[in-house]
């Protein structure tokens, strides 16, 4: 294996690029073991800070000649907003999602139990918002792997959490209010400003990574101030490495401040996290499955930046336009795996409204954020040549948080693209999944051998996915083409945990084993509230490496197997097709995306 940059090495603050490759071999060859009420007056906003002009918004771009296209203005600036790398959605609104108006926050609603459960997770309201400026980095914080921390660190971490819990419940820095942030942004308490009752939902779109990065940023700063240690860094749950694939031991001490009783008791250590949620009980197979899941969602399955990050989400866009590979994969699995099945809605981690009540949530999302950093700067660029989203509607999307001094601040996506610029890094840990490409299945993985009774896709869809389904899907042409599998018009009941896996030409049909070329990806969701209890989305799975690893050159069709991991109804799939990759196709092929 060629030398690679260190996975968490310091990047240049000016170029934002990794340093030259390390001369030593960092990643060893992996082992096989391994609706709202009581809304009051409008918030008075002071957008400027330090005498600066307000940020451009849809309101202040109105001119005597009508609204100015903000893209034309921003493209003229050059640099980050260069048109060459623009990733956008034709026909969508040309405005970013704006930060919510706190005085219009309503009750969040959880419908998972079949009964309406209103939860007040609205924050305190103040009169002034300022635009946040990231302070100069004096000393880089280093977030440690949770399974490796020292006794001294555990003491300091518990002290910080206890002091956060000891704050008055109405203090925006308190543990209750910090947990409520996730509830408000993710379970229907906020509406999009100027869009009526249309919810703000930061999941299942390109806002997923930026929102949670800012969320952890202020959470970490608050903890540091409470213990008078500005260098304090939160830990990350290293579930992508076999040594970290159990709940970190410090979280199961019942006397610790970071303990939460609402966790799945069957999944406490030494249970190995099942990132595929396959139900496999062999720890060695689960580890192998986990590494395959990571390789697939980080490297093998993505064609564009939005395939990894999530689909565009603009002002006026309905919720859940489409989750990226990491969000709908390891992220969702960890939430559901930890959530307590004894609770009516999978509390705490297993439901968006309650997830922030478990301190493990922030440790889990530390690793989710680390995945974004690794994907941006350290994974092979040949898989996704352009990893930047330079669409102004992405970069200028905004959120509001309370900082460590209880000031309400507005932040923008464009300011959180580099964790190093924000003043923190991650402990260097080997990435055993980096080379975990599944073995080839070229000997007998033929459609003619796999299943002769499967029907053509157009005879089967739309379908309700409540059992294993096998269909034949026509390729665009023979050979090992650069193609994508598209599952479109996926309508889901958002109040349920739902997950299904996708296999191509699966020769052994052992659906609890993922460490094979036939496994190509997943769709999964954490239960949450949406206005109509349903959402419709699509996913794309890259087939290029799959074709390299399987004997499909002479096939006109491929056999697609859909395996639900949830119980009962909840998923309807409108259609399935294979298309040429729009980035490399010589002829235009229609795509649902």
Protein backbone atom coordinates (compact mmCIF):
# COMPACT_ATOMS: atom_id res chain seq x y z
CA UNK A 1 0.00 0.00 0.00
CA UNK A 2 1.33 3.43 -0.87
CA UNK A 3 2.18 5.93 1.86
CA UNK A 4 -0.74 8.14 2.79
CA UNK A 5 -1.12 11.38 4.73
CA UNK A 6 -1.75 11.00 8.42
CA UNK A 7 -5.51 10.78 8.98
CA UNK A 8 -5.57 13.66 11.45
CA UNK A 9 -2.38 15.49 10.57
CA UNK A 10 -2.33 19.26 10.77
CA UNK A 11 -3.46 20.99 7.60
CA UNK A 12 -2.10 24.25 6.32
CA UNK A 13 -4.26 27.14 7.59
CA UNK A 14 -3.84 28.89 4.27
CA UNK A 15 -4.26 26.08 1.77
CA UNK A 16 -6.41 23.81 3.95
CA UNK A 17 -4.58 20.84 2.46
CA UNK A 18 -2.82 17.96 4.16
CA UNK A 19 0.98 17.99 4.36
CA UNK A 20 3.17 15.79 2.24
CA UNK A 21 2.73 12.08 2.62
CA UNK A 22 4.26 10.51 5.66
CA UNK A 23 7.24 8.27 4.89
CA UNK A 24 5.99 5.61 7.29
CA UNK A 25 3.22 3.14 6.66
CA UNK A 26 0.33 4.44 8.76
CA UNK A 27 -2.49 2.05 7.89
CA UNK A 28 -1.47 -1.60 8.25
CA UNK A 29 -3.08 -4.31 6.21
CA UNK A 30 -6.37 -5.02 8.00
CA UNK A 31 -6.98 -8.29 9.74
CA UNK A 32 -9.97 -10.41 8.84
CA UNK A 33 -10.64 -10.65 12.62
CA UNK A 34 -11.15 -8.23 13.04
CA UNK A 35 -47.39 21.87 14.46
CA UNK A 36 -46.71 24.69 16.60
CA UNK A 37 -48.54 26.56 19.39
CA UNK A 38 -48.18 29.75 21.48
CA UNK A 39 -45.92 31.54 19.05
CA UNK A 40 -45.24 35.08 20.17
CA UNK A 41 -43.71 38.32 18.92
CA UNK A 42 -41.03 38.40 16.27
CA UNK A 43 -37.43 38.36 17.44
CA UNK A 44 -35.56 41.65 17.07
CA UNK A 45 -32.31 40.84 15.32
CA UNK A 46 -29.05 42.72 15.16
CA UNK A 47 -27.25 41.00 12.29
CA UNK A 48 -24.04 42.98 12.40
CA UNK A 49 -21.17 42.40 14.75
CA UNK A 50 -18.21 44.71 15.33
CA UNK A 51 -19.59 47.30 12.99
CA UNK A 52 -19.73 44.96 10.01
CA UNK A 53 -22.43 44.92 7.38
CA UNK A 54 -25.20 42.34 7.57
CA UNK A 55 -24.77 39.07 5.72
CA UNK A 56 -26.54 38.83 2.35
CA UNK A 57 -30.03 37.37 2.64
CA UNK A 58 -33.01 36.99 0.38
CA UNK A 59 -34.39 40.23 1.89
CA UNK A 60 -31.41 42.57 1.40
CA UNK A 61 -30.85 41.46 -2.19
CA UNK A 62 -34.08 43.10 -3.35
CA UNK A 63 -33.20 45.99 -5.71
CA UNK A 64 -35.06 48.54 -7.77
CA UNK A 65 -34.81 46.12 -10.67
CA UNK A 66 -36.08 43.12 -8.70
CA UNK A 67 -34.29 40.38 -6.86
CA UNK A 68 -30.66 39.89 -7.73
CA UNK A 69 -29.52 36.35 -8.41
CA UNK A 70 -27.15 35.81 -5.47
CA UNK A 71 -25.19 33.23 -7.42
CA UNK A 72 -24.16 35.85 -9.96
CA UNK A 73 -23.01 38.15 -7.16
CA UNK A 74 -21.13 35.48 -5.28
CA UNK A 75 -19.58 33.96 -8.37
CA UNK A 76 -18.04 37.30 -9.09
CA UNK A 77 -16.09 37.09 -5.86
CA UNK A 78 -14.10 34.12 -7.15
CA UNK A 79 -12.12 31.82 -4.87
CA UNK A 80 -14.37 29.56 -2.87
CA UNK A 81 -17.38 30.47 -4.97
CA UNK A 82 -15.82 29.60 -8.31
CA UNK A 83 -18.28 28.26 -10.85
CA UNK A 84 -16.07 25.40 -11.98
CA UNK A 85 -16.92 23.20 -9.00
CA UNK A 86 -20.52 24.27 -8.46
CA UNK A 87 -22.82 21.47 -7.35
CA UNK A 88 -26.43 22.52 -7.47
CA UNK A 89 -29.92 21.27 -8.12
CA UNK A 90 -31.45 22.80 -11.25
CA UNK A 91 -34.80 24.41 -10.69
CA UNK A 92 -34.48 24.67 -6.92
CA UNK A 93 -34.99 27.86 -4.94
CA UNK A 94 -31.91 30.09 -4.94
CA UNK A 95 -31.86 30.80 -1.21
CA UNK A 96 -30.13 29.05 1.68
CA UNK A 97 -32.05 27.72 4.66
CA UNK A 98 -32.02 30.49 7.25
CA UNK A 99 -31.51 30.18 10.99
CA UNK A 100 -34.77 29.70 12.91
CA UNK A 101 -36.58 32.46 14.76
CA UNK A 102 -36.46 31.41 18.39
CA UNK A 103 -39.59 33.32 19.39
CA UNK A 104 -41.52 31.26 16.83
CA UNK A 105 -40.39 27.95 18.26
CA UNK A 106 -43.27 25.58 18.95
CA UNK A 107 -43.66 22.21 20.59
CA UNK A 108 -41.81 19.29 19.10
CA UNK A 109 -43.92 16.23 18.42
CA UNK A 110 -43.03 12.58 18.65
CA UNK A 111 -45.49 10.23 16.99
CA UNK A 112 -43.60 6.98 17.31
CA UNK A 113 -45.87 5.53 20.00
CA UNK A 114 -49.07 6.21 18.10
CA UNK A 115 -50.00 8.90 20.62
CA UNK A 116 -49.33 12.60 20.23
CA UNK A 117 -46.54 13.54 22.59
CA UNK A 118 -45.72 17.25 22.70
CA UNK A 119 -42.30 18.18 24.05
CA UNK A 120 -41.22 21.69 24.89
CA UNK A 121 -37.61 21.83 23.77
CA UNK A 122 -37.54 25.54 22.83
CA UNK A 123 -34.55 27.57 24.03
CA UNK A 124 -34.63 30.84 25.99
CA UNK A 125 -35.32 33.88 23.82
CA UNK A 126 -33.15 37.00 23.85
CA UNK A 127 -33.36 40.19 21.85
CA UNK A 128 -30.02 40.19 20.07
CA UNK A 129 -28.19 37.84 17.74
CA UNK A 130 -24.62 38.47 16.62
CA UNK A 131 -22.70 36.84 13.81
CA UNK A 132 -20.10 34.56 15.34
CA UNK A 133 -16.44 34.91 14.47
CA UNK A 134 -14.18 31.96 15.18
CA UNK A 135 -11.46 33.19 17.54
CA UNK A 136 -7.79 32.83 16.63
CA UNK A 137 -6.41 29.36 17.32
CA UNK A 138 -3.85 29.67 20.10
CA UNK A 139 -3.51 25.98 20.88
CA UNK A 140 -5.08 23.18 18.86
CA UNK A 141 -7.51 21.00 20.80
CA UNK A 142 -7.15 17.28 20.16
CA UNK A 143 -10.25 15.13 20.55
CA UNK A 144 -9.22 11.72 21.95
CA UNK A 145 -10.50 8.26 21.11
CA UNK A 146 -12.88 7.39 23.94
CA UNK A 147 -11.56 3.87 24.46
CA UNK A 148 -8.02 5.15 25.06
CA UNK A 149 -8.53 8.03 27.50
CA UNK A 150 -6.78 8.21 30.86
CA UNK A 151 -8.34 8.18 34.33
CA UNK A 152 -7.45 11.87 34.66
CA UNK A 153 -9.34 12.68 31.47
CA UNK A 154 -12.38 10.67 32.60
CA UNK A 155 -12.44 12.62 35.88
CA UNK A 156 -12.24 15.96 34.06
CA UNK A 157 -14.89 14.93 31.52
CA UNK A 158 -17.34 13.83 34.22
CA UNK A 159 -16.68 17.01 36.18
CA UNK A 160 -17.50 19.14 33.15
CA UNK A 161 -20.71 17.21 32.43
CA UNK A 162 -21.78 17.36 36.07
CA UNK A 163 -21.28 21.13 36.16
CA UNK A 164 -23.30 21.42 32.97
CA UNK A 165 -26.07 19.33 34.57
CA UNK A 166 -25.93 21.49 37.72
CA UNK A 167 -26.74 24.68 35.81
CA UNK A 168 -30.34 25.94 36.07
CA UNK A 169 -32.59 24.27 33.52
CA UNK A 170 -33.30 27.62 31.81
CA UNK A 171 -29.59 28.40 31.37
CA UNK A 172 -28.91 27.90 27.63
CA UNK A 173 -25.63 26.21 28.52
CA UNK A 174 -27.25 23.61 30.80
CA UNK A 175 -27.32 19.95 29.87
CA UNK A 176 -31.09 20.09 29.45
CA UNK A 177 -30.89 22.98 27.03
CA UNK A 178 -28.00 21.44 25.12
CA UNK A 179 -30.02 18.25 24.66
CA UNK A 180 -33.00 20.34 23.56
CA UNK A 181 -31.01 21.76 20.65
CA UNK A 182 -31.21 18.46 18.84
CA UNK A 183 -34.88 18.08 19.68
CA UNK A 184 -35.76 21.55 18.36
CA UNK A 185 -33.79 21.34 15.12
CA UNK A 186 -34.69 17.74 14.39
CA UNK A 187 -38.23 17.07 15.58
CA UNK A 188 -40.42 19.83 14.25
CA UNK A 189 -40.13 22.69 16.77
CA UNK A 190 -38.71 25.17 14.23
CA UNK A 191 -40.25 26.33 10.97
CA UNK A 192 -38.27 27.68 8.05
CA UNK A 193 -38.48 31.50 8.26
CA UNK A 194 -40.84 32.84 5.64
CA UNK A 195 -42.06 29.35 4.65
CA UNK A 196 -45.20 29.01 6.73
CA UNK A 197 -45.36 25.80 8.73
CA UNK A 198 -42.65 24.02 6.73
CA UNK A 199 -40.28 22.43 9.25
CA UNK A 200 -36.57 22.91 9.57
CA UNK A 201 -34.91 19.49 9.58
CA UNK A 202 -31.12 19.31 9.56
CA UNK A 203 -30.98 15.57 8.90
CA UNK A 204 -31.18 13.75 5.60
CA UNK A 205 -29.60 16.55 3.58
CA UNK A 206 -26.32 18.38 2.99
CA UNK A 207 -26.82 20.29 6.28
CA UNK A 208 -26.29 17.15 8.37
CA UNK A 209 -22.52 17.42 8.81
CA UNK A 210 -22.26 21.24 9.18
CA UNK A 211 -25.07 21.50 11.74
CA UNK A 212 -23.65 18.80 14.00
CA UNK A 213 -20.13 20.23 13.69
CA UNK A 214 -21.30 23.60 14.98
CA UNK A 215 -23.41 21.90 17.64
CA UNK A 216 -20.43 19.99 19.06
CA UNK A 217 -18.21 23.06 18.73
CA UNK A 218 -20.25 25.12 21.21
CA UNK A 219 -21.00 22.13 23.44
CA UNK A 220 -17.26 21.56 23.76
CA UNK A 221 -16.52 25.24 24.48
CA UNK A 222 -19.19 25.33 27.19
CA UNK A 223 -17.72 22.25 28.89
CA UNK A 224 -14.25 23.77 28.73
CA UNK A 225 -15.36 27.02 30.34
CA UNK A 226 -17.19 25.19 33.12
CA UNK A 227 -13.93 23.57 34.22
CA UNK A 228 -11.75 26.58 33.32
CA UNK A 229 -9.87 24.62 30.67
CA UNK A 230 -10.06 26.22 27.20
CA UNK A 231 -8.07 23.30 25.77
CA UNK A 232 -10.63 20.67 26.81
CA UNK A 233 -11.74 18.49 23.89
CA UNK A 234 -14.63 16.04 23.83
CA UNK A 235 -13.92 12.36 23.06
CA UNK A 236 -15.01 10.44 19.97
CA UNK A 237 -16.45 6.94 19.96
CA UNK A 238 -14.07 5.11 17.64
CA UNK A 239 -16.64 2.58 16.33
CA UNK A 240 -14.83 2.28 12.99
CA UNK A 241 -11.84 0.57 14.62
CA UNK A 242 -12.20 -2.93 16.16
CA UNK A 243 -10.65 -1.74 19.42
CA UNK A 244 -13.40 0.85 19.77
CA UNK A 245 -16.37 -1.23 18.62
CA UNK A 246 -18.00 -1.46 22.04
CA UNK A 247 -19.65 1.31 24.02
CA UNK A 248 -16.63 3.05 25.61
CA UNK A 249 -16.16 1.63 29.12
CA UNK A 250 -16.29 5.01 30.86
CA UNK A 251 -19.93 5.40 29.77
CA UNK A 252 -21.15 2.30 31.63
CA UNK A 253 -20.09 3.41 35.12
CA UNK A 254 -23.48 3.83 36.80
CA UNK A 255 -22.08 6.43 39.22
CA UNK A 256 -20.59 8.61 36.49
CA UNK A 257 -22.15 11.84 35.25
CA UNK A 258 -21.88 10.57 31.68
CA UNK A 259 -23.99 7.49 32.45
CA UNK A 260 -27.47 7.15 30.97
CA UNK A 261 -29.78 4.30 32.01
CA UNK A 262 -31.83 4.48 28.79
CA UNK A 263 -29.59 2.28 26.68
CA UNK A 264 -30.05 -1.17 25.22
CA UNK A 265 -28.92 -3.44 28.05
CA UNK A 266 -28.14 -6.25 25.62
CA UNK A 267 -25.61 -4.01 23.85
CA UNK A 268 -23.45 -3.02 26.80
CA UNK A 269 -19.79 -4.14 26.70
CA UNK A 270 -18.50 -6.57 25.65
CA UNK A 271 -21.15 -6.50 22.90
CA UNK A 272 -19.69 -5.41 19.55
CA UNK A 273 -21.62 -2.67 17.78
CA UNK A 274 -23.43 -3.91 14.68
CA UNK A 275 -23.06 -1.10 12.14
CA UNK A 276 -25.04 -3.14 9.64
CA UNK A 277 -27.81 -4.02 12.11
CA UNK A 278 -27.86 -7.47 10.53
CA UNK A 279 -28.58 -9.35 13.76
CA UNK A 280 -25.46 -11.47 13.29
CA UNK A 281 -24.31 -12.87 16.65
CA UNK A 282 -20.77 -13.92 15.68
CA UNK A 283 -18.48 -11.11 16.98
CA UNK A 284 -15.82 -11.85 14.35
CA UNK A 285 -18.37 -11.64 11.55
CA UNK A 286 -19.83 -8.45 13.02
CA UNK A 287 -16.38 -6.82 13.02
CA UNK A 288 -15.86 -7.86 9.41
CA UNK A 289 -19.31 -6.55 8.51
CA UNK A 290 -18.51 -3.26 10.23
CA UNK A 291 -15.32 -2.74 8.28
CA UNK A 292 -17.17 -3.50 5.06
CA UNK A 293 -19.88 -0.99 5.95
CA UNK A 294 -17.22 1.67 6.53
CA UNK A 295 -15.38 0.93 3.28
CA UNK A 296 -18.64 0.99 1.33
CA UNK A 297 -20.03 4.25 2.73
CA UNK A 298 -16.71 6.10 2.81
CA UNK A 299 -15.05 4.94 -0.41
CA UNK A 300 -16.86 2.49 -2.64
CA UNK A 301 -20.40 3.81 -2.91
CA UNK A 302 -20.09 7.52 -3.73
CA UNK A 303 -19.91 9.25 -7.08
CA UNK A 304 -20.34 12.90 -6.05
CA UNK A 305 -19.93 15.06 -2.96
CA UNK A 306 -23.68 15.04 -2.35
CA UNK A 307 -23.74 11.23 -2.43
CA UNK A 308 -21.64 11.40 0.73
CA UNK A 309 -22.85 14.67 2.26
CA UNK A 310 -26.57 14.47 1.48
CA UNK A 311 -28.80 16.04 -1.14
CA UNK A 312 -29.37 19.82 -1.55
CA UNK A 313 -31.69 21.41 1.00
CA UNK A 314 -32.70 24.98 0.25
CA UNK A 315 -35.26 27.47 1.47
CA UNK A 316 -38.67 26.01 0.71
CA UNK A 317 -37.37 22.46 0.22
CA UNK A 318 -39.52 19.80 1.92
CA UNK A 319 -37.72 17.90 4.67
CA UNK A 320 -35.61 14.82 3.96
CA UNK A 321 -34.40 15.46 0.39
CA UNK A 322 -31.94 12.59 0.83
CA UNK A 323 -29.31 11.45 3.35
CA UNK A 324 -25.67 10.89 2.43
CA UNK A 325 -23.99 7.50 2.69
CA UNK A 326 -22.45 8.11 6.11
CA UNK A 327 -25.60 9.52 7.69
CA UNK A 328 -27.85 6.69 6.53
CA UNK A 329 -25.18 4.11 7.37
CA UNK A 330 -22.96 3.97 10.46
CA UNK A 331 -24.49 7.12 11.96
CA UNK A 332 -28.02 5.77 12.03
CA UNK A 333 -26.98 2.28 13.10
CA UNK A 334 -25.15 3.57 16.18
CA UNK A 335 -28.19 5.63 17.22
CA UNK A 336 -30.55 2.68 16.94
CA UNK A 337 -28.12 0.13 18.41
CA UNK A 338 -27.71 2.18 21.60
CA UNK A 339 -31.36 3.23 21.98
CA UNK A 340 -33.33 1.42 24.66
CA UNK A 341 -36.00 -0.97 23.33
CA UNK A 342 -37.68 -0.87 26.77
CA UNK A 343 -38.69 2.73 26.08
CA UNK A 344 -41.78 3.58 23.99
CA UNK A 345 -39.81 5.49 21.35
CA UNK A 346 -36.33 4.00 21.62
CA UNK A 347 -35.16 6.73 23.98
CA UNK A 348 -32.63 8.11 24.46
CA UNK A 349 -30.29 7.61 21.49
CA UNK A 350 -32.85 5.83 19.35
CA UNK A 351 -35.03 8.87 18.63
CA UNK A 352 -34.05 12.34 17.43
CA UNK A 353 -36.04 14.22 20.07
CA UNK A 354 -34.28 12.49 22.98
CA UNK A 355 -30.86 11.59 21.55
CA UNK A 356 -29.06 14.57 23.12
CA UNK A 357 -30.06 13.44 26.61
CA UNK A 358 -27.43 10.70 26.48
CA UNK A 359 -23.86 12.01 26.86
CA UNK A 360 -22.79 9.19 24.54
CA UNK A 361 -24.62 11.02 21.73
CA UNK A 362 -21.95 13.74 21.62
CA UNK A 363 -19.17 11.16 21.70
CA UNK A 364 -20.87 9.30 18.85
CA UNK A 365 -21.20 12.45 16.78
CA UNK A 366 -17.56 13.25 17.45
CA UNK A 367 -16.73 10.22 15.31
CA UNK A 368 -19.38 11.19 12.74
CA UNK A 369 -17.68 14.56 12.44
CA UNK A 370 -14.31 12.82 12.17
CA UNK A 371 -15.68 10.88 9.18
CA UNK A 372 -16.34 14.19 7.41
CA UNK A 373 -12.76 15.30 8.04
CA UNK A 374 -11.33 12.00 6.83
CA UNK A 375 -13.53 12.03 3.73
CA UNK A 376 -12.60 15.64 2.90
CA UNK A 377 -8.86 15.46 3.24
CA UNK A 378 -7.50 11.94 3.48
CA UNK A 379 -9.45 9.46 1.39
CA UNK A 380 -8.54 8.69 -2.23
CA UNK A 381 -9.75 11.54 -4.44
CA UNK A 382 -10.02 9.25 -7.46
CA UNK A 383 -13.31 7.91 -6.10
CA UNK A 384 -14.91 11.39 -5.92
CA UNK A 385 -12.69 13.85 -7.81
CA UNK A 386 -14.38 16.96 -6.37
CA UNK A 387 -15.34 16.73 -2.71
CA UNK A 388 -16.30 20.38 -2.27
CA UNK A 389 -19.83 21.71 -2.43
CA UNK A 390 -19.47 25.32 -3.52
CA UNK A 391 -23.14 26.09 -4.03
CA UNK A 392 -23.93 29.37 -2.18
CA UNK A 393 -27.14 27.83 -0.87
CA UNK A 394 -24.98 25.34 1.01
CA UNK A 395 -22.29 27.76 2.13
CA UNK A 396 -24.67 30.48 3.33
CA UNK A 397 -27.08 28.28 5.24
CA UNK A 398 -27.12 29.36 8.88
CA UNK A 399 -27.98 28.19 12.39
CA UNK A 400 -28.16 29.85 15.82
CA UNK A 401 -26.57 28.58 19.03
CA UNK A 402 -25.78 29.95 22.48
CA UNK A 403 -22.04 30.18 23.07
CA UNK A 404 -20.10 29.52 26.27
CA UNK A 405 -20.93 33.03 27.51
CA UNK A 406 -24.69 32.57 26.95
CA UNK A 407 -24.63 34.85 23.92
CA UNK A 408 -26.93 33.94 21.03
CA UNK A 409 -24.85 33.75 17.86
CA UNK A 410 -25.52 33.04 14.21
CA UNK A 411 -23.13 30.74 12.36
CA UNK A 412 -22.74 29.82 8.69
CA UNK A 413 -21.85 26.58 6.95
CA UNK A 414 -19.00 28.25 5.04
CA UNK A 415 -17.16 28.91 8.31
CA UNK A 416 -17.05 25.28 9.47
CA UNK A 417 -15.59 23.53 6.42
CA UNK A 418 -12.24 22.95 8.17
CA UNK A 419 -12.08 21.56 11.69
CA UNK A 420 -8.53 22.88 11.99
CA UNK A 421 -9.63 26.42 11.27
CA UNK A 422 -12.10 25.94 14.11
CA UNK A 423 -9.28 24.98 16.44
CA UNK A 424 -9.61 21.24 16.95
CA UNK A 425 -8.16 18.02 15.55
CA UNK A 426 -8.57 14.29 16.18
CA UNK A 427 -6.21 11.78 17.74
CA UNK A 428 -4.52 9.71 15.04
CA UNK A 429 -6.02 6.25 14.86
CA UNK A 430 -5.41 3.59 12.22
CA UNK A 431 -8.18 3.08 9.67
CA UNK A 432 -8.46 -0.69 9.17
CA UNK A 433 -11.41 -0.23 6.81
CA UNK A 434 -9.37 1.84 4.36
CA UNK A 435 -8.15 -1.27 2.50
CA UNK A 436 -11.12 -3.47 3.35
CA UNK A 437 -12.34 -3.94 -0.18
CA UNK A 438 -14.39 -7.14 -0.27
CA UNK A 439 -13.03 -10.12 -2.22
CA UNK A 440 -14.05 -10.52 -5.84
CA UNK A 441 -17.00 -12.73 -6.77
CA UNK A 442 -16.17 -13.39 -10.39
CA UNK A 443 -16.43 -17.15 -10.49
CA UNK A 444 -20.16 -17.72 -10.30
CA UNK A 445 -21.95 -14.45 -9.53
CA UNK A 446 -24.09 -14.58 -12.64
CA UNK A 447 -27.70 -13.56 -12.96
CA UNK A 448 -28.50 -16.81 -14.72
CA UNK A 449 -27.18 -18.76 -11.73
CA UNK A 450 -28.31 -16.46 -8.95
CA UNK A 451 -32.04 -16.54 -9.40
CA UNK A 452 -34.03 -17.52 -12.48
CA UNK A 453 -37.42 -16.75 -10.93
CA UNK A 454 -36.87 -13.04 -10.27
CA UNK A 455 -39.11 -10.67 -12.23
CA UNK A 456 -38.13 -7.60 -14.19
CA UNK A 457 -38.19 -4.44 -12.08
CA UNK A 458 -40.92 -2.77 -14.12
CA UNK A 459 -43.22 -5.67 -13.25
CA UNK A 460 -42.64 -5.33 -9.51
CA UNK A 461 -42.46 -1.63 -8.64
CA UNK A 462 -43.85 0.25 -6.86
CA UNK A 463 -43.70 -2.11 -3.89
CA UNK A 464 -44.06 -2.15 -0.12
CA UNK A 465 -40.79 -3.43 1.27
CA UNK A 466 -41.74 -5.65 4.19
CA UNK A 467 -39.86 -8.77 3.08
CA UNK A 468 -36.80 -9.68 0.98
CA UNK A 469 -37.35 -8.80 -2.68
CA UNK A 470 -35.29 -9.83 -5.72
CA UNK A 471 -35.69 -8.12 -9.08
CA UNK A 472 -33.84 -7.98 -12.40
CA UNK A 473 -32.73 -4.49 -13.35
CA UNK A 474 -31.45 -3.79 -16.89
CA UNK A 475 -27.99 -2.30 -17.33
CA UNK A 476 -27.50 0.60 -19.70
CA UNK A 477 -25.00 -1.45 -21.70
CA UNK A 478 -22.90 -4.58 -21.48
CA UNK A 479 -19.48 -4.49 -19.91
CA UNK A 480 -18.08 -2.89 -16.79
CA UNK A 481 -19.63 0.52 -17.29
CA UNK A 482 -19.54 3.47 -14.88
CA UNK A 483 -23.12 3.19 -13.68
CA UNK A 484 -25.32 4.04 -10.71
CA UNK A 485 -28.18 2.13 -9.15
CA UNK A 486 -31.00 4.55 -8.35
CA UNK A 487 -33.82 3.74 -5.94
CA UNK A 488 -36.36 6.50 -6.41
CA UNK A 489 -39.51 7.74 -4.74
CA UNK A 490 -38.71 5.98 -1.48
CA UNK A 491 -41.62 6.93 0.77
CA UNK A 492 -41.01 6.24 4.46
CA UNK A 493 -42.92 6.52 7.71
CA UNK A 494 -40.54 8.88 9.52
CA UNK A 495 -41.78 7.90 12.98
CA UNK A 496 -40.28 4.42 12.67
CA UNK A 497 -36.83 2.93 12.54
CA UNK A 498 -36.48 1.75 8.95
CA UNK A 499 -33.52 0.15 7.20
CA UNK A 500 -32.91 -1.92 4.12
CA UNK A 501 -29.72 -3.19 2.50
CA UNK A 502 -28.98 -3.60 -1.19
CA UNK A 503 -27.08 -6.50 -2.80
CA UNK A 504 -26.10 -7.15 -6.43
CA UNK A 505 -25.96 -10.71 -7.83
CA UNK A 506 -25.65 -12.17 -4.34
CA UNK A 507 -24.48 -15.72 -5.00
CA UNK A 508 -24.86 -17.16 -1.49
CA UNK A 509 -27.89 -15.17 -0.27
CA UNK A 510 -26.50 -15.03 3.27
CA UNK A 511 -27.86 -11.60 4.05
CA UNK A 512 -26.28 -11.42 7.50
CA UNK A 513 -22.82 -11.35 5.97
CA UNK A 514 -21.87 -8.03 4.37
CA UNK A 515 -18.17 -8.65 3.71
CA UNK A 516 -18.63 -9.55 0.06
CA UNK A 517 -18.69 -7.76 -3.25
CA UNK A 518 -22.45 -8.22 -3.55
CA UNK A 519 -23.18 -5.72 -0.74
CA UNK A 520 -23.42 -2.19 -2.17
CA UNK A 521 -25.12 0.00 0.42
CA UNK A 522 -28.04 0.83 2.65
CA UNK A 523 -30.85 3.17 3.52
CA UNK A 524 -31.69 3.78 7.18
CA UNK A 525 -33.35 6.41 9.35
CA UNK A 526 -33.64 7.33 13.03
CA UNK A 527 -37.28 7.88 14.07
CA UNK A 528 -38.34 11.52 14.00
CA UNK A 529 -41.31 13.76 13.34
CA UNK A 530 -42.30 15.28 10.00
CA UNK A 531 -45.47 17.26 9.20
CA UNK A 532 -47.25 14.36 7.49
CA UNK A 533 -45.43 11.43 9.15
CA UNK A 534 -44.00 10.55 5.74
CA UNK A 535 -41.16 11.72 3.54
CA UNK A 536 -40.11 10.81 0.03
CA UNK A 537 -36.50 10.57 -1.10
CA UNK A 538 -34.12 8.72 -3.42
CA UNK A 539 -30.67 7.19 -3.08
CA UNK A 540 -27.87 6.46 -5.55
CA UNK A 541 -25.33 3.67 -5.18
CA UNK A 542 -22.21 3.61 -7.32
CA UNK A 543 -21.66 0.36 -9.22
CA UNK A 544 -18.21 0.93 -10.77
CA UNK A 545 -16.20 -1.05 -8.20
CA UNK A 546 -18.97 -3.63 -7.93
CA UNK A 547 -18.68 -4.39 -11.62
CA UNK A 548 -14.91 -4.71 -11.25
CA UNK A 549 -15.39 -7.30 -8.51
CA UNK A 550 -18.15 -9.35 -10.14
CA UNK A 551 -18.66 -11.23 -13.38
CA UNK A 552 -21.22 -8.95 -15.06
CA UNK A 553 -19.58 -8.05 -18.36
CA UNK A 554 -21.85 -10.25 -20.49
CA UNK A 555 -25.03 -9.64 -18.52
CA UNK A 556 -27.92 -7.55 -19.78
CA UNK A 557 -29.43 -7.38 -16.27
CA UNK A 558 -28.23 -7.51 -12.71
CA UNK A 559 -30.12 -9.13 -9.88
CA UNK A 560 -30.87 -6.67 -7.10
CA UNK A 561 -31.79 -8.00 -3.67
CA UNK A 562 -33.46 -5.65 -1.17
CA UNK A 563 -33.27 -6.82 2.44
CA UNK A 564 -35.35 -5.00 5.07
CA UNK A 565 -33.77 -4.93 8.53
CA UNK A 566 -36.85 -3.42 10.17
CA UNK A 567 -40.03 -5.24 11.10
CA UNK A 568 -43.35 -4.63 9.40
CA UNK A 569 -44.41 -1.97 6.89
CA UNK A 570 -43.08 1.56 6.56
CA UNK A 571 -41.17 1.68 3.27
CA UNK A 572 -42.60 1.99 -0.24
CA UNK A 573 -40.18 2.15 -3.16
CA UNK A 574 -41.52 3.75 -6.33
CA UNK A 575 -38.94 2.51 -8.78
CA UNK A 576 -35.45 1.21 -9.40
CA UNK A 577 -33.13 1.66 -12.36
CA UNK A 578 -29.53 1.69 -13.48
CA UNK A 579 -28.24 4.84 -15.16
CA UNK A 580 -24.95 5.94 -16.60
CA UNK A 581 -22.92 8.07 -14.24
CA UNK A 582 -23.79 11.65 -15.28
CA UNK A 583 -20.21 12.73 -14.53
CA UNK A 584 -18.74 10.36 -17.09
CA UNK A 585 -21.58 9.55 -19.48
CA UNK A 586 -21.07 10.52 -23.11
CA UNK A 587 -24.81 10.77 -23.63
CA UNK A 588 -27.34 12.40 -21.36
CA UNK A 589 -29.32 9.94 -19.30
CA UNK A 590 -32.30 11.04 -17.24
CA UNK A 591 -31.82 10.75 -13.51
CA UNK A 592 -34.21 11.07 -10.63
CA UNK A 593 -31.67 13.24 -8.86
